Amino acid sequence: MQKFRIELPSGDYLVAEETPCYVGGQISIGIENKEGTWIQDLAVVESNFNGNEYVKDEFNTYVFGNEYDEGYTECFLIKRIPDKNLEGD
């Protein structure tokens, strides 16, 4: 499992962490305390799954905007910007 941590002024950490059991690719972004305990979800980004297959270059982004609720408050579908080098431009 891959994990990226940035120390915050409070001594806690902003963390991006791979979710190993998710087949299509998923990362969780959140806050860990000084002891390494996950204390708050901020967002989850995952490959878009349309019910039958993963959609190439599309990602669902779930944002947890309410610190008092465990459920996400917004969901965005984000499409990857085309690579101009692959299009012959």
N, C-alpha and C. Protein backbone atom coordinates (compact mmCIF):
# COMPACT_ATOMS: atom_id res chain seq x y z
N MET A 1 0.85 -1.18 0.00
CA MET A 1 0.00 0.00 0.00
C MET A 1 0.90 1.24 0.00
N GLN A 2 0.59 2.17 -0.88
CA GLN A 2 1.35 3.41 -0.96
C GLN A 2 0.68 4.49 -0.13
N LYS A 3 1.52 5.32 0.50
CA LYS A 3 1.00 6.38 1.36
C LYS A 3 1.92 7.60 1.23
N PHE A 4 1.31 8.78 1.12
CA PHE A 4 2.04 10.04 1.04
C PHE A 4 1.55 10.92 2.18
N ARG A 5 2.48 11.46 2.99
CA ARG A 5 2.12 12.26 4.16
C ARG A 5 2.80 13.63 4.11
N ILE A 6 2.05 14.67 4.45
CA ILE A 6 2.58 16.03 4.57
C ILE A 6 2.26 16.50 5.98
N GLU A 7 3.29 16.91 6.73
CA GLU A 7 3.06 17.40 8.08
C GLU A 7 2.42 18.78 8.04
N LEU A 8 1.39 18.94 8.85
CA LEU A 8 0.67 20.20 8.96
C LEU A 8 1.19 21.00 10.15
N PRO A 9 0.95 22.31 10.19
CA PRO A 9 1.42 23.12 11.31
C PRO A 9 0.95 22.62 12.68
N SER A 10 -0.19 21.94 12.71
CA SER A 10 -0.72 21.42 13.97
C SER A 10 0.04 20.18 14.46
N GLY A 11 0.87 19.61 13.59
CA GLY A 11 1.56 18.37 13.93
C GLY A 11 0.83 17.15 13.39
N ASP A 12 -0.41 17.33 12.93
CA ASP A 12 -1.13 16.26 12.26
C ASP A 12 -0.61 16.16 10.83
N TYR A 13 -1.19 15.22 10.05
CA TYR A 13 -0.70 14.98 8.69
C TYR A 13 -1.84 14.97 7.68
N LEU A 14 -1.59 15.59 6.53
CA LEU A 14 -2.45 15.45 5.36
C LEU A 14 -1.94 14.20 4.65
N VAL A 15 -2.85 13.25 4.37
CA VAL A 15 -2.44 11.94 3.88
C VAL A 15 -3.21 11.57 2.61
N ALA A 16 -2.50 11.04 1.63
CA ALA A 16 -3.11 10.40 0.46
C ALA A 16 -2.65 8.95 0.51
N GLU A 17 -3.61 8.03 0.50
CA GLU A 17 -3.31 6.63 0.74
C GLU A 17 -4.06 5.74 -0.26
N GLU A 18 -3.33 4.82 -0.88
CA GLU A 18 -3.93 3.86 -1.79
C GLU A 18 -4.83 2.90 -1.02
N THR A 19 -5.98 2.58 -1.60
CA THR A 19 -6.87 1.58 -1.02
C THR A 19 -6.56 0.25 -1.69
N PRO A 20 -5.89 -0.66 -1.01
CA PRO A 20 -5.38 -1.87 -1.67
C PRO A 20 -6.44 -2.84 -2.15
N CYS A 21 -7.62 -2.87 -1.55
CA CYS A 21 -8.63 -3.85 -1.92
C CYS A 21 -9.49 -3.39 -3.09
N TYR A 22 -9.32 -2.16 -3.55
CA TYR A 22 -10.13 -1.63 -4.64
C TYR A 22 -9.44 -1.93 -5.96
N VAL A 23 -10.04 -2.76 -6.81
CA VAL A 23 -9.41 -3.28 -8.02
C VAL A 23 -9.08 -2.20 -9.04
N GLY A 24 -9.98 -1.26 -9.29
CA GLY A 24 -9.80 -0.28 -10.36
C GLY A 24 -8.87 0.87 -10.04
N GLY A 25 -8.47 1.01 -8.82
CA GLY A 25 -7.62 2.12 -8.41
C GLY A 25 -8.39 3.13 -7.59
N GLN A 26 -7.97 3.33 -6.34
CA GLN A 26 -8.66 4.26 -5.45
C GLN A 26 -7.65 4.82 -4.45
N ILE A 27 -7.77 6.12 -4.16
CA ILE A 27 -6.99 6.72 -3.08
C ILE A 27 -7.94 7.46 -2.14
N SER A 28 -7.58 7.44 -0.87
CA SER A 28 -8.30 8.19 0.15
C SER A 28 -7.41 9.34 0.59
N ILE A 29 -8.02 10.49 0.77
CA ILE A 29 -7.29 11.68 1.22
C ILE A 29 -7.93 12.11 2.53
N GLY A 30 -7.09 12.32 3.55
CA GLY A 30 -7.64 12.68 4.84
C GLY A 30 -6.58 13.19 5.80
N ILE A 31 -6.95 13.23 7.06
CA ILE A 31 -6.09 13.73 8.12
C ILE A 31 -5.77 12.60 9.09
N GLU A 32 -4.49 12.46 9.42
CA GLU A 32 -4.05 11.55 10.47
C GLU A 32 -3.49 12.38 11.61
N ASN A 33 -3.69 11.90 12.84
CA ASN A 33 -3.09 12.59 13.98
C ASN A 33 -1.62 12.21 14.12
N LYS A 34 -0.97 12.77 15.11
CA LYS A 34 0.47 12.54 15.33
C LYS A 34 0.79 11.08 15.57
N GLU A 35 -0.18 10.33 16.10
CA GLU A 35 0.04 8.92 16.39
C GLU A 35 -0.21 8.02 15.17
N GLY A 36 -0.64 8.61 14.06
CA GLY A 36 -0.89 7.84 12.85
C GLY A 36 -2.29 7.29 12.72
N THR A 37 -3.21 7.77 13.56
CA THR A 37 -4.61 7.34 13.49
C THR A 37 -5.38 8.23 12.53
N TRP A 38 -6.10 7.61 11.59
CA TRP A 38 -6.92 8.35 10.63
C TRP A 38 -8.06 9.01 11.39
N ILE A 39 -8.17 10.35 11.30
CA ILE A 39 -9.19 11.05 12.09
C ILE A 39 -10.26 11.75 11.26
N GLN A 40 -10.00 11.98 9.96
CA GLN A 40 -11.03 12.64 9.16
C GLN A 40 -10.82 12.36 7.68
N ASP A 41 -11.92 11.97 7.00
CA ASP A 41 -11.91 11.85 5.54
C ASP A 41 -12.07 13.22 4.91
N LEU A 42 -11.32 13.47 3.84
CA LEU A 42 -11.49 14.69 3.07
C LEU A 42 -12.05 14.38 1.68
N ALA A 43 -11.50 13.34 1.04
CA ALA A 43 -11.95 12.97 -0.31
C ALA A 43 -11.53 11.54 -0.62
N VAL A 44 -12.23 10.95 -1.58
CA VAL A 44 -11.87 9.66 -2.15
C VAL A 44 -11.92 9.83 -3.66
N VAL A 45 -10.86 9.38 -4.34
CA VAL A 45 -10.81 9.43 -5.80
C VAL A 45 -10.65 7.99 -6.30
N GLU A 46 -11.52 7.61 -7.25
CA GLU A 46 -11.48 6.24 -7.74
C GLU A 46 -11.78 6.21 -9.24
N SER A 47 -11.33 5.14 -9.89
CA SER A 47 -11.66 4.93 -11.29
C SER A 47 -13.17 4.80 -11.44
N ASN A 48 -13.71 5.39 -12.50
CA ASN A 48 -15.15 5.34 -12.73
C ASN A 48 -15.55 3.95 -13.23
N PHE A 49 -16.51 3.35 -12.57
CA PHE A 49 -17.04 2.04 -12.93
C PHE A 49 -18.48 2.22 -13.34
N ASN A 50 -18.83 1.82 -14.57
CA ASN A 50 -20.19 2.07 -15.07
C ASN A 50 -21.15 0.93 -14.81
N GLY A 51 -20.78 -0.04 -13.99
CA GLY A 51 -21.63 -1.18 -13.69
C GLY A 51 -21.17 -2.45 -14.36
N ASN A 52 -20.44 -2.31 -15.48
CA ASN A 52 -19.92 -3.47 -16.20
C ASN A 52 -18.40 -3.45 -16.32
N GLU A 53 -17.84 -2.25 -16.42
CA GLU A 53 -16.40 -2.13 -16.63
C GLU A 53 -15.91 -0.75 -16.17
N TYR A 54 -14.61 -0.64 -16.02
CA TYR A 54 -14.01 0.65 -15.67
C TYR A 54 -13.92 1.50 -16.92
N VAL A 55 -14.24 2.78 -16.78
CA VAL A 55 -14.22 3.70 -17.90
C VAL A 55 -12.84 4.35 -17.95
N LYS A 56 -12.16 4.21 -19.07
CA LYS A 56 -10.81 4.73 -19.23
C LYS A 56 -10.80 6.25 -19.03
N ASP A 57 -9.86 6.71 -18.23
CA ASP A 57 -9.60 8.15 -18.03
C ASP A 57 -10.76 8.93 -17.42
N GLU A 58 -11.61 8.26 -16.62
CA GLU A 58 -12.65 8.95 -15.87
C GLU A 58 -12.55 8.56 -14.40
N PHE A 59 -12.76 9.55 -13.54
CA PHE A 59 -12.57 9.33 -12.11
C PHE A 59 -13.73 9.94 -11.32
N ASN A 60 -14.25 9.18 -10.37
CA ASN A 60 -15.23 9.70 -9.43
C ASN A 60 -14.48 10.28 -8.24
N THR A 61 -14.87 11.48 -7.85
CA THR A 61 -14.24 12.14 -6.70
C THR A 61 -15.33 12.47 -5.69
N TYR A 62 -15.23 11.86 -4.53
CA TYR A 62 -16.20 12.07 -3.45
C TYR A 62 -15.57 12.99 -2.41
N VAL A 63 -16.24 14.09 -2.10
CA VAL A 63 -15.72 15.08 -1.16
C VAL A 63 -16.55 15.01 0.12
N PHE A 64 -15.85 14.97 1.25
CA PHE A 64 -16.48 14.93 2.57
C PHE A 64 -16.41 16.33 3.17
N GLY A 65 -17.42 17.15 2.85
CA GLY A 65 -17.39 18.56 3.21
C GLY A 65 -17.99 18.91 4.55
N ASN A 66 -18.56 17.93 5.24
CA ASN A 66 -19.17 18.20 6.54
C ASN A 66 -18.40 17.42 7.60
N GLU A 67 -17.68 18.13 8.43
CA GLU A 67 -16.83 17.47 9.43
C GLU A 67 -17.62 16.69 10.48
N TYR A 68 -18.93 16.89 10.54
CA TYR A 68 -19.75 16.20 11.54
C TYR A 68 -20.52 15.01 10.97
N ASP A 69 -20.31 14.69 9.69
CA ASP A 69 -21.03 13.60 9.05
C ASP A 69 -20.04 12.71 8.31
N GLU A 70 -20.18 11.39 8.43
CA GLU A 70 -19.26 10.46 7.79
C GLU A 70 -19.54 10.29 6.30
N GLY A 71 -20.70 10.67 5.83
CA GLY A 71 -21.03 10.52 4.41
C GLY A 71 -20.45 11.65 3.58
N TYR A 72 -20.23 11.35 2.28
CA TYR A 72 -19.71 12.39 1.40
C TYR A 72 -20.81 13.40 1.09
N THR A 73 -20.41 14.64 0.82
CA THR A 73 -21.37 15.71 0.56
C THR A 73 -21.49 16.04 -0.92
N GLU A 74 -20.47 15.71 -1.71
CA GLU A 74 -20.50 16.00 -3.15
C GLU A 74 -19.74 14.91 -3.90
N CYS A 75 -20.17 14.66 -5.13
CA CYS A 75 -19.48 13.71 -6.00
C CYS A 75 -19.28 14.38 -7.35
N PHE A 76 -18.07 14.29 -7.86
CA PHE A 76 -17.73 14.87 -9.15
C PHE A 76 -17.18 13.79 -10.07
N LEU A 77 -17.58 13.81 -11.35
CA LEU A 77 -16.95 12.98 -12.36
C LEU A 77 -15.90 13.84 -13.04
N ILE A 78 -14.66 13.41 -12.97
CA ILE A 78 -13.57 14.17 -13.56
C ILE A 78 -12.97 13.35 -14.69
N LYS A 79 -12.88 13.96 -15.87
CA LYS A 79 -12.27 13.31 -17.02
C LYS A 79 -10.83 13.79 -17.17
N ARG A 80 -9.97 12.86 -17.52
CA ARG A 80 -8.56 13.20 -17.71
C ARG A 80 -8.41 14.11 -18.92
N ILE A 81 -7.53 15.11 -18.80
CA ILE A 81 -7.21 16.00 -19.91
C ILE A 81 -6.44 15.18 -20.95
N PRO A 82 -6.86 15.23 -22.22
CA PRO A 82 -6.15 14.46 -23.23
C PRO A 82 -4.68 14.88 -23.34
N ASP A 83 -3.82 13.91 -23.55
CA ASP A 83 -2.40 14.17 -23.74
C ASP A 83 -2.19 14.61 -25.18
N LYS A 84 -1.82 15.86 -25.39
CA LYS A 84 -1.65 16.39 -26.75
C LYS A 84 -0.58 15.64 -27.54
N ASN A 85 0.41 15.10 -26.84
CA ASN A 85 1.45 14.35 -27.54
C ASN A 85 0.90 13.06 -28.16
N LEU A 86 -0.13 12.49 -27.57
CA LEU A 86 -0.72 11.27 -28.10
C LEU A 86 -1.68 11.55 -29.26
N GLU A 87 -2.17 12.79 -29.34
CA GLU A 87 -3.12 13.14 -30.39
C GLU A 87 -2.44 13.67 -31.64
N GLY A 88 -1.13 13.80 -31.63
CA GLY A 88 -0.40 14.26 -32.81
C GLY A 88 -0.37 15.77 -32.97
N ASP A 89 -0.71 16.51 -31.94
CA ASP A 89 -0.66 18.00 -32.00
C ASP A 89 0.75 18.51 -31.86
